[in-house]
Amino acid sequence: MSAVQIEQIAERVERLLVRYEELQRTNELLAQQVETLAAERDSLKSRLHAARARVDALLERLPEIQKAA
């Protein structure tokens, strides 16, 4: 192998290492976003469940309200 070929291979390896580090950082950011979105989804599910419970309670009272009117 010539010195030029070795230098070219070294440059390619260096570029690959830089790209690998960029991809690692991107992956970490995406993992954080997934965690944040999962927490938000869980919160929204909880709020939806509570709202459904309130609506169900109101619907159960509806016949009572109509009889009283």
PDB file of N, CA and C in Angstrom:
ATOM      1  N   MET A   1       0.842  -1.182   0.000  1.00  0.00           N
ATOM      2  CA  MET A   1       0.000   0.000   0.000  1.00  0.00           C
ATOM      3  C   MET A   1       0.881   1.236   0.000  1.00  0.00           C
ATOM      4  N   SER A   2       0.447   2.208  -0.767  1.00  0.00           N
ATOM      5  CA  SER A   2       1.229   3.438  -0.826  1.00  0.00           C
ATOM      6  C   SER A   2       0.799   4.376   0.299  1.00  0.00           C
ATOM      7  N   ALA A   3       1.604   5.363   0.539  1.00  0.00           N
ATOM      8  CA  ALA A   3       1.311   6.351   1.585  1.00  0.00           C
ATOM      9  C   ALA A   3       0.023   7.101   1.257  1.00  0.00           C
ATOM     10  N   VAL A   4      -0.235   7.339  -0.019  1.00  0.00           N
ATOM     11  CA  VAL A   4      -1.457   8.039  -0.443  1.00  0.00           C
ATOM     12  C   VAL A   4      -2.687   7.199  -0.110  1.00  0.00           C
ATOM     13  N   GLN A   5      -2.614   5.911  -0.387  1.00  0.00           N
ATOM     14  CA  GLN A   5      -3.750   5.031  -0.076  1.00  0.00           C
ATOM     15  C   GLN A   5      -3.998   4.977   1.427  1.00  0.00           C
ATOM     16  N   ILE A   6      -2.947   4.900   2.188  1.00  0.00           N
ATOM     17  CA  ILE A   6      -3.085   4.853   3.650  1.00  0.00           C
ATOM     18  C   ILE A   6      -3.706   6.155   4.146  1.00  0.00           C
ATOM     19  N   GLU A   7      -3.262   7.272   3.590  1.00  0.00           N
ATOM     20  CA  GLU A   7      -3.819   8.574   3.977  1.00  0.00           C
ATOM     21  C   GLU A   7      -5.301   8.654   3.617  1.00  0.00           C
ATOM     22  N   GLN A   8      -5.683   8.153   2.450  1.00  0.00           N
ATOM     23  CA  GLN A   8      -7.090   8.159   2.043  1.00  0.00           C
ATOM     24  C   GLN A   8      -7.936   7.301   2.977  1.00  0.00           C
ATOM     25  N   ILE A   9      -7.413   6.144   3.328  1.00  0.00           N
ATOM     26  CA  ILE A   9      -8.137   5.262   4.250  1.00  0.00           C
ATOM     27  C   ILE A   9      -8.268   5.924   5.614  1.00  0.00           C
ATOM     28  N   ALA A  10      -7.205   6.567   6.080  1.00  0.00           N
ATOM     29  CA  ALA A  10      -7.242   7.254   7.378  1.00  0.00           C
ATOM     30  C   ALA A  10      -8.283   8.370   7.365  1.00  0.00           C
ATOM     31  N   GLU A  11      -8.364   9.118   6.277  1.00  0.00           N
ATOM     32  CA  GLU A  11      -9.356  10.190   6.162  1.00  0.00           C
ATOM     33  C   GLU A  11     -10.772   9.625   6.163  1.00  0.00           C
ATOM     34  N   ARG A  12     -10.976   8.539   5.458  1.00  0.00           N
ATOM     35  CA  ARG A  12     -12.315   7.915   5.429  1.00  0.00           C
ATOM     36  C   ARG A  12     -12.709   7.405   6.806  1.00  0.00           C
ATOM     37  N   VAL A  13     -11.747   6.799   7.508  1.00  0.00           N
ATOM     38  CA  VAL A  13     -12.021   6.310   8.859  1.00  0.00           C
ATOM     39  C   VAL A  13     -12.366   7.478   9.773  1.00  0.00           C
ATOM     40  N   GLU A  14     -11.621   8.569   9.640  1.00  0.00           N
ATOM     41  CA  GLU A  14     -11.899   9.757  10.453  1.00  0.00           C
ATOM     42  C   GLU A  14     -13.293  10.301  10.172  1.00  0.00           C
ATOM     43  N   ARG A  15     -13.684  10.363   8.901  1.00  0.00           N
ATOM     44  CA  ARG A  15     -15.030  10.826   8.549  1.00  0.00           C
ATOM     45  C   ARG A  15     -16.097   9.883   9.103  1.00  0.00           C
ATOM     46  N   LEU A  16     -15.815   8.599   9.039  1.00  0.00           N
ATOM     47  CA  LEU A  16     -16.774   7.622   9.589  1.00  0.00           C
ATOM     48  C   LEU A  16     -16.926   7.791  11.098  1.00  0.00           C
ATOM     49  N   LEU A  17     -15.833   8.047  11.781  1.00  0.00           N
ATOM     50  CA  LEU A  17     -15.895   8.254  13.223  1.00  0.00           C
ATOM     51  C   LEU A  17     -16.694   9.510  13.572  1.00  0.00           C
ATOM     52  N   VAL A  18     -16.494  10.568  12.808  1.00  0.00           N
ATOM     53  CA  VAL A  18     -17.258  11.802  13.032  1.00  0.00           C
ATOM     54  C   VAL A  18     -18.740  11.541  12.793  1.00  0.00           C
ATOM     55  N   ARG A  19     -19.039  10.851  11.725  1.00  0.00           N
ATOM     56  CA  ARG A  19     -20.441  10.534  11.415  1.00  0.00           C
ATOM     57  C   ARG A  19     -21.054   9.651  12.499  1.00  0.00           C
ATOM     58  N   TYR A  20     -20.284   8.703  12.989  1.00  0.00           N
ATOM     59  CA  TYR A  20     -20.755   7.824  14.060  1.00  0.00           C
ATOM     60  C   TYR A  20     -21.098   8.641  15.304  1.00  0.00           C
ATOM     61  N   GLU A  21     -20.242   9.580  15.664  1.00  0.00           N
ATOM     62  CA  GLU A  21     -20.503  10.426  16.832  1.00  0.00           C
ATOM     63  C   GLU A  21     -21.748  11.286  16.616  1.00  0.00           C
ATOM     64  N   GLU A  22     -21.926  11.809  15.408  1.00  0.00           N
ATOM     65  CA  GLU A  22     -23.119  12.590  15.099  1.00  0.00           C
ATOM     66  C   GLU A  22     -24.377  11.729  15.237  1.00  0.00           C
ATOM     67  N   LEU A  23     -24.297  10.523  14.736  1.00  0.00           N
ATOM     68  CA  LEU A  23     -25.452   9.625  14.828  1.00  0.00           C
ATOM     69  C   LEU A  23     -25.747   9.247  16.277  1.00  0.00           C
ATOM     70  N   GLN A  24     -24.719   9.090  17.078  1.00  0.00           N
ATOM     71  CA  GLN A  24     -24.935   8.796  18.502  1.00  0.00           C
ATOM     72  C   GLN A  24     -25.660   9.955  19.178  1.00  0.00           C
ATOM     73  N   ARG A  25     -25.219  11.187  18.898  1.00  0.00           N
ATOM     74  CA  ARG A  25     -25.868  12.363  19.495  1.00  0.00           C
ATOM     75  C   ARG A  25     -27.322  12.465  19.021  1.00  0.00           C
ATOM     76  N   THR A  26     -27.533  12.230  17.733  1.00  0.00           N
ATOM     77  CA  THR A  26     -28.893  12.273  17.201  1.00  0.00           C
ATOM     78  C   THR A  26     -29.761  11.214  17.864  1.00  0.00           C
ATOM     79  N   ASN A  27     -29.217  10.032  18.036  1.00  0.00           N
ATOM     80  CA  ASN A  27     -29.962   8.953  18.672  1.00  0.00           C
ATOM     81  C   ASN A  27     -30.318   9.311  20.117  1.00  0.00           C
ATOM     82  N   GLU A  28     -29.395   9.925  20.829  1.00  0.00           N
ATOM     83  CA  GLU A  28     -29.676  10.338  22.206  1.00  0.00           C
ATOM     84  C   GLU A  28     -30.796  11.367  22.245  1.00  0.00           C
ATOM     85  N   LEU A  29     -30.747  12.343  21.326  1.00  0.00           N
ATOM     86  CA  LEU A  29     -31.805  13.351  21.273  1.00  0.00           C
ATOM     87  C   LEU A  29     -33.157  12.727  20.935  1.00  0.00           C
ATOM     88  N   LEU A  30     -33.156  11.802  20.002  1.00  0.00           N
ATOM     89  CA  LEU A  30     -34.412  11.137  19.637  1.00  0.00           C
ATOM     90  C   LEU A  30     -34.950  10.299  20.792  1.00  0.00           C
ATOM     91  N   ALA A  31     -34.053   9.657  21.518  1.00  0.00           N
ATOM     92  CA  ALA A  31     -34.486   8.869  22.682  1.00  0.00           C
ATOM     93  C   ALA A  31     -35.111   9.779  23.739  1.00  0.00           C
ATOM     94  N   GLN A  32     -34.542  10.956  23.931  1.00  0.00           N
ATOM     95  CA  GLN A  32     -35.115  11.917  24.874  1.00  0.00           C
ATOM     96  C   GLN A  32     -36.489  12.381  24.402  1.00  0.00           C
ATOM     97  N   GLN A  33     -36.610  12.624  23.100  1.00  0.00           N
ATOM     98  CA  GLN A  33     -37.907  13.039  22.571  1.00  0.00           C
ATOM     99  C   GLN A  33     -38.949  11.946  22.740  1.00  0.00           C
ATOM    100  N   VAL A  34     -38.555  10.716  22.510  1.00  0.00           N
ATOM    101  CA  VAL A  34     -39.485   9.592  22.688  1.00  0.00           C
ATOM    102  C   VAL A  34     -39.940   9.528  24.146  1.00  0.00           C
ATOM    103  N   GLU A  35     -39.001   9.700  25.061  1.00  0.00           N
ATOM    104  CA  GLU A  35     -39.345   9.658  26.488  1.00  0.00           C
ATOM    105  C   GLU A  35     -40.306  10.791  26.846  1.00  0.00           C
ATOM    106  N   THR A  36     -40.032  11.984  26.344  1.00  0.00           N
ATOM    107  CA  THR A  36     -40.905  13.134  26.607  1.00  0.00           C
ATOM    108  C   THR A  36     -42.293  12.913  26.028  1.00  0.00           C
ATOM    109  N   LEU A  37     -42.341  12.436  24.788  1.00  0.00           N
ATOM    110  CA  LEU A  37     -43.636  12.203  24.148  1.00  0.00           C
ATOM    111  C   LEU A  37     -44.409  11.077  24.827  1.00  0.00           C
ATOM    112  N   ALA A  38     -43.713  10.070  25.295  1.00  0.00           N
ATOM    113  CA  ALA A  38     -44.389   8.975  26.003  1.00  0.00           C
ATOM    114  C   ALA A  38     -45.000   9.494  27.303  1.00  0.00           C
ATOM    115  N   ALA A  39     -44.270  10.354  28.006  1.00  0.00           N
ATOM    116  CA  ALA A  39     -44.801  10.929  29.243  1.00  0.00           C
ATOM    117  C   ALA A  39     -46.016  11.807  28.946  1.00  0.00           C
ATOM    118  N   GLU A  40     -45.926  12.580  27.871  1.00  0.00           N
ATOM    119  CA  GLU A  40     -47.056  13.426  27.478  1.00  0.00           C
ATOM    120  C   GLU A  40     -48.255  12.571  27.096  1.00  0.00           C
ATOM    121  N   ARG A  41     -48.012  11.491  26.347  1.00  0.00           N
ATOM    122  CA  ARG A  41     -49.090  10.578  25.963  1.00  0.00           C
ATOM    123  C   ARG A  41     -49.753   9.975  27.201  1.00  0.00           C
ATOM    124  N   ASP A  42     -48.938   9.546  28.166  1.00  0.00           N
ATOM    125  CA  ASP A  42     -49.490   8.957  29.381  1.00  0.00           C
ATOM    126  C   ASP A  42     -50.330   9.966  30.157  1.00  0.00           C
ATOM    127  N   SER A  43     -49.857  11.210  30.191  1.00  0.00           N
ATOM    128  CA  SER A  43     -50.621  12.260  30.867  1.00  0.00           C
ATOM    129  C   SER A  43     -51.951  12.503  30.162  1.00  0.00           C
ATOM    130  N   LEU A  44     -51.917  12.557  28.843  1.00  0.00           N
ATOM    131  CA  LEU A  44     -53.154  12.767  28.087  1.00  0.00           C
ATOM    132  C   LEU A  44     -54.126  11.601  28.249  1.00  0.00           C
ATOM    133  N   LYS A  45     -53.588  10.385  28.289  1.00  0.00           N
ATOM    134  CA  LYS A  45     -54.455   9.219  28.512  1.00  0.00           C
ATOM    135  C   LYS A  45     -55.135   9.316  29.869  1.00  0.00           C
ATOM    136  N   SER A  46     -54.378   9.731  30.863  1.00  0.00           N
ATOM    137  CA  SER A  46     -54.928   9.863  32.205  1.00  0.00           C
ATOM    138  C   SER A  46     -56.028  10.927  32.237  1.00  0.00           C
ATOM    139  N   ARG A  47     -55.760  12.058  31.588  1.00  0.00           N
ATOM    140  CA  ARG A  47     -56.761  13.119  31.539  1.00  0.00           C
ATOM    141  C   ARG A  47     -58.003  12.670  30.780  1.00  0.00           C
ATOM    142  N   LEU A  48     -57.807  11.923  29.698  1.00  0.00           N
ATOM    143  CA  LEU A  48     -58.932  11.414  28.918  1.00  0.00           C
ATOM    144  C   LEU A  48     -59.773  10.457  29.769  1.00  0.00           C
ATOM    145  N   HIS A  49     -59.100   9.590  30.504  1.00  0.00           N
ATOM    146  CA  HIS A  49     -59.811   8.638  31.368  1.00  0.00           C
ATOM    147  C   HIS A  49     -60.645   9.391  32.405  1.00  0.00           C
ATOM    148  N   ALA A  50     -60.060  10.430  33.007  1.00  0.00           N
ATOM    149  CA  ALA A  50     -60.789  11.212  34.011  1.00  0.00           C
ATOM    150  C   ALA A  50     -61.980  11.920  33.377  1.00  0.00           C
ATOM    151  N   ALA A  51     -61.797  12.465  32.180  1.00  0.00           N
ATOM    152  CA  ALA A  51     -62.903  13.153  31.495  1.00  0.00           C
ATOM    153  C   ALA A  51     -64.017  12.171  31.147  1.00  0.00           C
ATOM    154  N   ARG A  52     -63.638  10.983  30.697  1.00  0.00           N
ATOM    155  CA  ARG A  52     -64.650   9.968  30.385  1.00  0.00           C
ATOM    156  C   ARG A  52     -65.436   9.579  31.636  1.00  0.00           C
ATOM    157  N   ALA A  53     -64.734   9.464  32.751  1.00  0.00           N
ATOM    158  CA  ALA A  53     -65.409   9.116  34.002  1.00  0.00           C
ATOM    159  C   ALA A  53     -66.412  10.203  34.382  1.00  0.00           C
ATOM    160  N   ARG A  54     -66.026  11.469  34.202  1.00  0.00           N
ATOM    161  CA  ARG A  54     -66.957  12.565  34.516  1.00  0.00           C
ATOM    162  C   ARG A  54     -68.160  12.550  33.580  1.00  0.00           C
ATOM    163  N   VAL A  55     -67.933  12.314  32.298  1.00  0.00           N
ATOM    164  CA  VAL A  55     -69.036  12.260  31.335  1.00  0.00           C
ATOM    165  C   VAL A  55     -69.958  11.086  31.662  1.00  0.00           C
ATOM    166  N   ASP A  56     -69.377   9.933  31.977  1.00  0.00           N
ATOM    167  CA  ASP A  56     -70.197   8.771  32.347  1.00  0.00           C
ATOM    168  C   ASP A  56     -71.042   9.070  33.574  1.00  0.00           C
ATOM    169  N   ALA A  57     -70.452   9.743  34.553  1.00  0.00           N
ATOM    170  CA  ALA A  57     -71.202  10.093  35.766  1.00  0.00           C
ATOM    171  C   ALA A  57     -72.348  11.040  35.425  1.00  0.00           C
ATOM    172  N   LEU A  58     -72.092  12.001  34.549  1.00  0.00           N
ATOM    173  CA  LEU A  58     -73.162  12.918  34.143  1.00  0.00           C
ATOM    174  C   LEU A  58     -74.257  12.186  33.370  1.00  0.00           C
ATOM    175  N   LEU A  59     -73.873  11.253  32.497  1.00  0.00           N
ATOM    176  CA  LEU A  59     -74.867  10.495  31.743  1.00  0.00           C
ATOM    177  C   LEU A  59     -75.720   9.626  32.665  1.00  0.00           C
ATOM    178  N   GLU A  60     -75.117   9.091  33.714  1.00  0.00           N
ATOM    179  CA  GLU A  60     -75.899   8.294  34.665  1.00  0.00           C
ATOM    180  C   GLU A  60     -76.913   9.151  35.395  1.00  0.00           C
ATOM    181  N   ARG A  61     -76.577  10.403  35.632  1.00  0.00           N
ATOM    182  CA  ARG A  61     -77.495  11.312  36.338  1.00  0.00           C
ATOM    183  C   ARG A  61     -78.573  11.886  35.417  1.00  0.00           C
ATOM    184  N   LEU A  62     -78.373  11.772  34.095  1.00  0.00           N
ATOM    185  CA  LEU A  62     -79.288  12.389  33.145  1.00  0.00           C
ATOM    186  C   LEU A  62     -80.739  11.937  33.343  1.00  0.00           C
ATOM    187  N   PRO A  63     -81.026  10.649  33.470  1.00  0.00           N
ATOM    188  CA  PRO A  63     -82.439  10.271  33.695  1.00  0.00           C
ATOM    189  C   PRO A  63     -83.003  10.896  34.972  1.00  0.00           C
ATOM    190  N   GLU A  64     -82.180  11.022  36.009  1.00  0.00           N
ATOM    191  CA  GLU A  64     -82.654  11.648  37.247  1.00  0.00           C
ATOM    192  C   GLU A  64     -82.999  13.101  37.011  1.00  0.00           C
ATOM    193  N   ILE A  65     -82.193  13.776  36.235  1.00  0.00           N
ATOM    194  CA  ILE A  65     -82.409  15.199  35.955  1.00  0.00           C
ATOM    195  C   ILE A  65     -83.695  15.352  35.124  1.00  0.00           C
ATOM    196  N   GLN A  66     -83.915  14.473  34.144  1.00  0.00           N
ATOM    197  CA  GLN A  66     -85.116  14.561  33.309  1.00  0.00           C
ATOM    198  C   GLN A  66     -86.366  14.279  34.130  1.00  0.00           C
ATOM    199  N   LYS A  67     -86.309  13.346  35.092  1.00  0.00           N
ATOM    200  CA  LYS A  67     -87.482  13.041  35.929  1.00  0.00           C
ATOM    201  C   LYS A  67     -87.810  14.217  36.836  1.00  0.00           C
ATOM    202  N   ALA A  68     -86.779  14.903  37.301  1.00  0.00           N
ATOM    203  CA  ALA A  68     -86.988  16.047  38.205  1.00  0.00           C
ATOM    204  C   ALA A  68     -87.573  17.245  37.460  1.00  0.00           C
ATOM    205  N   ALA A  69     -87.391  17.320  36.178  1.00  0.00           N
ATOM    206  CA  ALA A  69     -87.841  18.504  35.406  1.00  0.00           C
ATOM    207  C   ALA A  69     -89.292  18.484  35.092  1.00  0.00           C
TER     208      ALA A  69
END
